[in-house]
Protein backbone atom coordinates (compact mmCIF):
# COMPACT_ATOMS: atom_id res chain seq x y z
CA MET A 1 47.76 -72.41 -20.82
CA GLU A 2 49.80 -69.36 -21.93
CA VAL A 3 47.94 -66.10 -22.05
CA VAL A 4 48.97 -63.73 -24.86
CA VAL A 5 48.24 -60.00 -24.30
CA ASN A 6 47.95 -58.04 -27.49
CA ARG A 7 50.08 -54.89 -27.58
CA ASN A 8 47.14 -52.76 -28.74
CA THR A 9 45.05 -53.91 -25.77
CA ILE A 10 47.79 -52.80 -23.39
CA ILE A 11 48.06 -49.42 -25.05
CA THR A 12 44.26 -48.96 -24.92
CA LEU A 13 44.23 -49.94 -21.21
CA ILE A 14 46.96 -47.50 -20.41
CA VAL A 15 45.21 -44.70 -22.34
CA GLY A 16 41.88 -45.48 -20.52
CA ILE A 17 43.55 -45.36 -17.14
CA PHE A 18 45.26 -42.07 -18.07
CA VAL A 19 41.92 -40.57 -19.12
CA VAL A 20 40.19 -41.71 -15.97
CA VAL A 21 43.07 -40.19 -13.87
CA MET A 22 42.77 -36.82 -15.82
CA ILE A 23 39.02 -36.75 -15.28
CA LEU A 24 39.44 -37.31 -11.57
CA VAL A 25 42.16 -34.65 -11.33
CA SER A 26 39.98 -32.25 -13.34
CA ASN A 27 37.00 -32.78 -11.08
CA ILE A 28 39.11 -32.23 -7.97
CA SER A 29 40.54 -29.10 -9.52
CA LEU A 30 37.06 -27.88 -10.52
CA ARG A 31 35.66 -28.42 -7.07
CA SER A 32 38.61 -26.60 -5.63
CA GLU A 33 38.01 -23.67 -7.96
CA ILE A 34 34.27 -23.67 -7.06
CA ASP A 35 35.11 -23.58 -3.32
CA GLU A 36 37.52 -20.69 -3.96
CA VAL A 37 34.77 -18.77 -5.78
CA LYS A 38 32.33 -19.41 -2.99
CA ILE A 39 34.81 -18.12 -0.43
CA GLU A 40 35.52 -15.01 -2.60
CA MET A 41 31.74 -14.43 -2.93
CA ARG A 42 31.22 -14.62 0.88
CA GLU A 43 34.10 -12.23 1.41
CA MET A 44 32.60 -9.81 -1.17
CA GLN A 45 29.19 -10.08 0.48
CA ASN A 46 30.69 -9.29 3.97
CA ASP A 47 32.60 -6.32 2.45
CA PHE A 48 29.36 -5.15 0.90
CA TYR A 49 27.46 -5.28 4.28
CA ARG A 50 30.43 -3.40 5.98
CA VAL A 51 30.45 -0.66 3.36
CA SER A 52 26.63 -0.30 3.45
CA ALA A 53 26.76 0.00 7.25
CA GLN A 54 29.48 2.63 7.01
CA LEU A 55 27.65 4.50 4.28
CA GLU A 56 24.47 4.55 6.26
CA LYS A 57 26.31 5.83 9.33
CA LEU A 58 28.08 8.54 7.18
CA ILE A 59 24.71 9.65 5.72
CA SER A 60 23.21 9.76 9.24
CA LEU A 61 26.15 11.88 10.62
CA ASN A 62 25.85 14.31 7.71
CA SER A 63 22.08 14.58 7.78
CA ILE A 64 20.44 17.50 9.58
CA VAL A 65 17.57 15.09 10.62
CA SER A 66 18.47 11.53 11.64
CA ASP A 67 14.95 10.40 12.54
CA THR A 68 11.30 11.42 12.38
CA GLU A 69 8.32 9.86 14.18
CA TYR A 70 4.63 10.74 14.24
CA HIS A 71 2.41 9.70 17.14
CA VAL A 72 -1.28 10.02 16.33
CA ASP A 73 -4.25 10.11 18.74
CA GLN A 74 -7.88 10.79 18.19
CA VAL A 75 -9.49 13.88 19.61
CA ILE A 76 -12.99 15.29 19.29
CA SER A 77 -13.52 19.02 18.59
CA GLU A 78 -16.94 20.46 17.91
CA GLY A 79 -18.34 16.99 17.35
CA GLN A 80 -15.70 16.09 14.73
CA LYS A 81 -12.82 13.64 15.10
CA TYR A 82 -9.36 14.79 14.39
CA ALA A 83 -5.88 13.46 14.46
CA ASN A 84 -3.75 14.92 17.25
CA VAL A 85 -0.25 14.42 15.84
CA ASP A 86 2.95 14.58 17.89
CA VAL A 87 5.84 15.18 15.57
CA ARG A 88 9.26 14.11 17.04
CA ILE A 89 12.44 14.88 15.17
CA THR A 90 15.80 13.61 16.31
CA SER A 91 18.91 15.66 15.34
CA SER A 92 22.31 16.40 16.75
CA LYS A 93 22.72 19.43 14.47
CA LEU A 94 19.63 21.51 14.70
CA GLY A 95 20.92 23.21 17.84
CA ASN A 96 23.16 25.26 15.53
CA TYR A 97 20.20 26.92 13.77
CA SER A 98 17.34 29.20 14.74
CA LYS A 99 13.62 29.87 13.99
CA LEU A 100 12.68 26.21 13.62
CA LYS A 101 9.19 25.47 12.32
CA VAL A 102 7.34 22.33 11.11
CA LEU A 103 5.41 22.91 7.92
CA TYR A 104 2.62 20.67 6.67
CA ARG A 105 -0.15 20.59 4.06
CA PRO A 106 -2.46 18.00 2.52
CA SER A 107 -0.94 15.87 -0.25
CA VAL A 108 -2.29 15.79 -3.71
CA ASP A 109 -4.21 12.54 -4.08
CA ILE A 110 -4.12 11.23 -7.62
CA ARG A 111 -7.28 9.23 -6.89
CA LYS A 112 -9.18 12.40 -6.39
CA GLU A 113 -10.17 14.71 -9.33
CA GLN A 114 -8.48 17.83 -7.79
CA ALA A 115 -6.04 18.94 -5.16
CA PRO A 116 -7.26 19.70 -1.62
CA ASP A 117 -9.00 23.10 -1.26
CA ASN A 118 -6.08 24.67 0.68
CA PHE A 119 -3.25 23.07 -1.33
CA ASN A 120 -2.36 26.22 -3.27
CA ASP A 121 -2.65 28.41 -0.19
CA GLY A 122 0.87 27.46 0.93
CA TRP A 123 2.08 25.59 3.99
CA GLU A 124 0.66 25.73 7.55
CA PHE A 125 3.25 25.85 10.23
CA ALA A 126 3.63 24.75 13.87
CA ASN A 127 6.15 25.90 16.54
CA VAL A 128 8.94 23.53 17.63
CA GLU A 129 10.13 22.82 21.17
CA ARG A 130 13.44 21.24 22.12
CA ASP A 131 14.35 18.58 24.67
CA HIS A 132 18.13 17.86 24.16
CA ASN A 133 18.43 16.37 20.62
CA VAL A 134 14.65 15.71 20.21
CA TYR A 135 12.54 18.49 18.61
CA MET A 136 8.77 18.29 19.12
CA SER A 137 5.77 19.85 17.54
CA LYS A 138 1.96 19.29 17.75
CA VAL A 139 -0.52 19.60 14.93
CA LEU A 140 -4.24 18.91 14.60
CA LEU A 141 -5.16 17.34 11.29
CA SER A 142 -8.15 15.87 9.46
CA PHE A 143 -8.30 12.14 8.98
CA ALA A 144 -9.72 12.84 5.46
CA GLU A 145 -6.26 13.71 3.93
CA ASP A 146 -2.70 12.51 3.70
CA TYR A 147 -0.06 15.12 4.53
CA GLU A 148 3.34 16.33 3.43
CA PHE A 149 5.82 17.63 6.05
CA LYS A 150 8.88 19.87 6.00
CA LEU A 151 11.23 21.30 8.63
CA CYS A 152 12.45 24.89 8.10
CA TYR A 153 15.22 26.65 9.89
CA PHE A 154 17.53 29.71 9.46
CA ASP A 155 21.17 29.31 8.74
CA ASP A 156 23.12 32.58 8.70
CA GLY A 157 20.01 34.45 7.79
CA GLU A 158 19.08 32.15 4.96
CA ILE A 159 16.01 29.96 5.28
CA GLU A 160 16.53 26.20 4.61
CA TYR A 161 14.22 23.27 4.30
CA VAL A 162 14.44 19.59 5.08
CA GLU A 163 11.90 17.14 3.57
CA LEU A 164 10.24 15.03 6.38
CA PRO A 165 8.41 11.70 5.76
CA SER A 166 4.77 12.07 4.69
CA LEU A 167 1.94 11.10 7.02
CA GLU A 168 -0.81 8.88 5.60
CA LEU A 169 -3.99 9.35 7.52
CA TYR A 170 -6.69 8.87 4.87
CA SER A 171 -4.82 6.13 3.00
CA LYS A 172 -4.07 4.15 6.15
CA ALA A 173 -7.74 4.32 7.24
CA GLU A 174 -8.89 3.24 3.79
CA SER A 175 -6.39 0.36 3.75
CA THR A 176 -8.33 -1.26 6.60
CA ILE A 177 -11.21 -1.81 4.22
CA LYS A 178 -11.31 -4.27 1.31
CA LYS A 179 -14.11 -3.91 -1.24
CA ASP A 180 -15.09 -5.76 -4.40
CA ILE A 181 -17.79 -5.15 -7.03
CA ASN A 182 -18.52 -8.13 -9.29
CA ILE A 183 -20.72 -7.48 -12.30
CA TYR A 184 -21.69 -10.84 -13.88
CA GLY A 185 -23.47 -9.25 -16.91
CA ILE A 186 -26.97 -9.09 -18.25
CA LYS A 187 -29.06 -12.21 -18.81
CA LYS A 188 -32.63 -12.07 -20.04
CA GLY A 189 -32.75 -8.38 -19.23
CA GLN A 190 -31.50 -8.91 -15.62
CA LEU A 191 -28.40 -7.12 -14.46
CA ASN A 192 -26.62 -9.55 -12.03
CA PHE A 193 -23.91 -8.52 -9.61
CA ASP A 194 -22.56 -8.74 -6.03
CA VAL A 195 -20.77 -6.29 -3.80
CA GLN A 196 -18.52 -7.39 -0.96
CA ILE A 197 -16.82 -5.53 1.91
CA ALA A 198 -14.30 -6.68 4.51
CA GLN A 199 -13.03 -4.47 7.31
CA PHE A 200 -10.07 -5.27 9.54
CA LYS A 201 -9.01 -4.06 12.91
CA SER A 202 -6.96 -0.77 13.19
CA GLU A 203 -5.21 1.18 15.80
CA HIS A 204 -7.98 3.78 15.86
CA ASN A 205 -10.84 1.22 16.07
CA ILE A 206 -12.47 2.47 12.90
CA GLU A 207 -16.07 1.38 12.41
CA LEU A 208 -17.99 1.20 9.19
CA LEU A 209 -21.11 3.33 9.72
CA SER A 210 -22.69 3.30 6.25
CA ALA A 211 -22.38 1.26 3.09
CA MET A 212 -24.53 2.21 0.17
CA CYS A 213 -24.60 0.54 -3.28
CA ASN A 214 -25.99 2.68 -6.03
CA VAL A 215 -26.83 1.36 -9.54
CA TYR A 216 -26.77 3.84 -12.36
CA TYR A 217 -27.72 3.95 -16.04
CA ASP A 218 -25.87 7.04 -17.29
CA ASN A 219 -26.82 9.61 -14.59
CA GLN A 220 -30.10 7.95 -13.67
CA LYS A 221 -30.10 6.09 -10.39
CA LEU A 222 -31.87 2.86 -10.77
CA LYS A 223 -31.57 1.49 -7.30
CA ALA A 224 -30.01 2.18 -3.95
CA ILE A 225 -29.11 -0.64 -1.60
CA ASP A 226 -28.21 -0.40 2.06
CA ILE A 227 -25.69 -3.11 2.51
CA LEU A 228 -25.48 -3.01 6.25
CA GLU A 229 -29.23 -3.40 6.51
CA GLU A 230 -29.32 -6.18 3.96
CA ASN A 231 -26.82 -8.10 6.08
CA LYS A 232 -29.23 -8.11 8.99
CA LYS A 233 -31.30 -10.62 7.04
CA SER A 234 -30.81 -14.32 7.58
CA GLY A 235 -30.81 -17.21 5.10
CA ARG A 236 -29.24 -15.25 2.23
CA LYS A 237 -27.27 -16.93 -0.53
CA THR A 238 -23.54 -16.14 -0.34
CA PRO A 239 -21.30 -15.08 -3.37
CA LYS A 240 -19.61 -17.77 -5.34
CA ALA A 241 -16.14 -16.17 -4.95
CA GLN A 242 -15.92 -14.73 -1.49
CA LEU A 243 -13.63 -11.81 -0.55
CA GLU A 244 -10.91 -12.76 1.88
CA SER A 245 -12.13 -11.54 5.35
CA ALA A 246 -10.42 -13.72 7.91
CA GLY A 247 -10.03 -11.80 11.15
CA GLY A 248 -12.31 -9.03 10.01
CA ASP A 249 -16.00 -8.08 9.56
CA TYR A 250 -17.73 -9.07 6.39
CA TRP A 251 -20.78 -7.76 4.49
CA PHE A 252 -22.20 -8.52 1.07
CA VAL A 253 -25.17 -8.13 -1.22
CA ILE A 254 -26.18 -10.22 -4.26
CA GLU A 255 -28.62 -8.43 -6.53
CA SER A 256 -30.51 -8.90 -9.75
CA ILE A 257 -32.21 -5.87 -11.39
CA ASP A 258 -34.74 -6.04 -14.20
CA LEU A 259 -33.36 -3.28 -16.42
CA GLY A 260 -36.40 -3.20 -18.77
CA GLU A 261 -38.67 -2.46 -15.78
CA ALA A 262 -36.22 -0.07 -14.06
CA LEU A 263 -35.66 1.97 -17.32
CA ASP A 264 -39.08 1.46 -18.87
CA PHE A 265 -37.39 0.11 -22.06
CA GLU A 266 -39.49 -1.94 -24.39
CA ASP A 267 -36.41 -3.36 -26.23
CA ILE A 268 -33.67 -4.10 -23.74
CA ASN A 269 -31.26 -4.80 -26.65
CA LYS A 270 -31.18 -1.08 -27.40
CA LEU A 271 -29.57 -0.25 -24.09
CA ASP A 272 -26.04 1.12 -24.21
CA THR A 273 -24.63 -1.23 -21.62
CA SER A 274 -21.38 0.92 -21.31
CA ASN A 275 -23.61 3.43 -19.39
CA ILE A 276 -24.37 0.90 -16.61
CA SER A 277 -22.28 1.47 -13.45
CA ILE A 278 -22.29 0.38 -9.86
CA GLU A 279 -21.06 2.79 -7.18
CA LEU A 280 -20.10 1.87 -3.67
CA VAL A 281 -20.07 4.64 -1.01
CA LEU A 282 -18.64 3.86 2.41
CA GLU A 283 -18.53 6.16 5.51
CA ASP A 284 -16.53 5.35 8.64
CA SER A 285 -16.37 6.54 12.21
CA LEU A 286 -13.51 8.99 11.39
CA GLY A 287 -15.81 10.89 9.13
CA ASN A 288 -14.18 9.66 5.95
CA THR A 289 -16.03 8.73 2.78
CA TYR A 290 -14.65 6.16 0.29
CA VAL A 291 -16.16 5.93 -3.14
CA SER A 292 -15.46 3.27 -5.79
CA THR A 293 -17.21 2.62 -9.10
CA ASP A 294 -17.26 -0.28 -11.51
CA TYR A 295 -18.70 -0.25 -15.04
CA LEU A 296 -20.23 -3.05 -16.99
CA GLY A 297 -17.64 -4.29 -19.46
CA ASP A 298 -14.59 -3.13 -17.51
């Protein structure tokens, strides 16, 4: 039998083969271009790391202070705990200057209503001793504040200042404590809520000495609850959503207060619920007090 191949079929077959070949060539070319881009990106990344390292080294060489460290120990003075702070400043350039002093003062805490009492009185200062390229100073500070630091020195009769890292004493101590106030609302005249506290280990072995929960309507205290005492009781119901406390100590209280009875209100619906607040007051072994407040409706 003789097979007759149509001319159009041959042309279609040739075109199809050509298209397939072009697609394959294009894919190979595209992969090659992608590989080239990847190589260029790696080179750019390596260049960036090299430039960053050189820039950091240049900044360090041109800085008066190359490093600052704070070493904090507890000391007791007149029955009060204080932070005995060793300030260590590393510098290869301070030897060229005179009259070195470390300046310090409490930081302004935006969580507090006002600046520390001595904030506007200027900076306190401490003398500096030298051991080769390490400059040392000692200061005695309260754990109840965070602090700003500066280094001052004289250069050709002119006083100059260098900002040093801040030292967080109060904030660091507070960060060891997690606290949560959950107000569930008012149901049948009962204010329902829970308060939870978790404390984690710290370098200064801080202990929670007191935890008071105060319930207010406007400025009237309706109830005060000693959370540490409540946690000595057994068989208590636990909160539905429990505060994360793995590896730490945990305390809680679940409470229900009859507002009509507490406020001597005949019609509980006339209460302005926005005036209801729950305050948590904690005191620790450093002598610090931490206060947080939550309002019904927040």
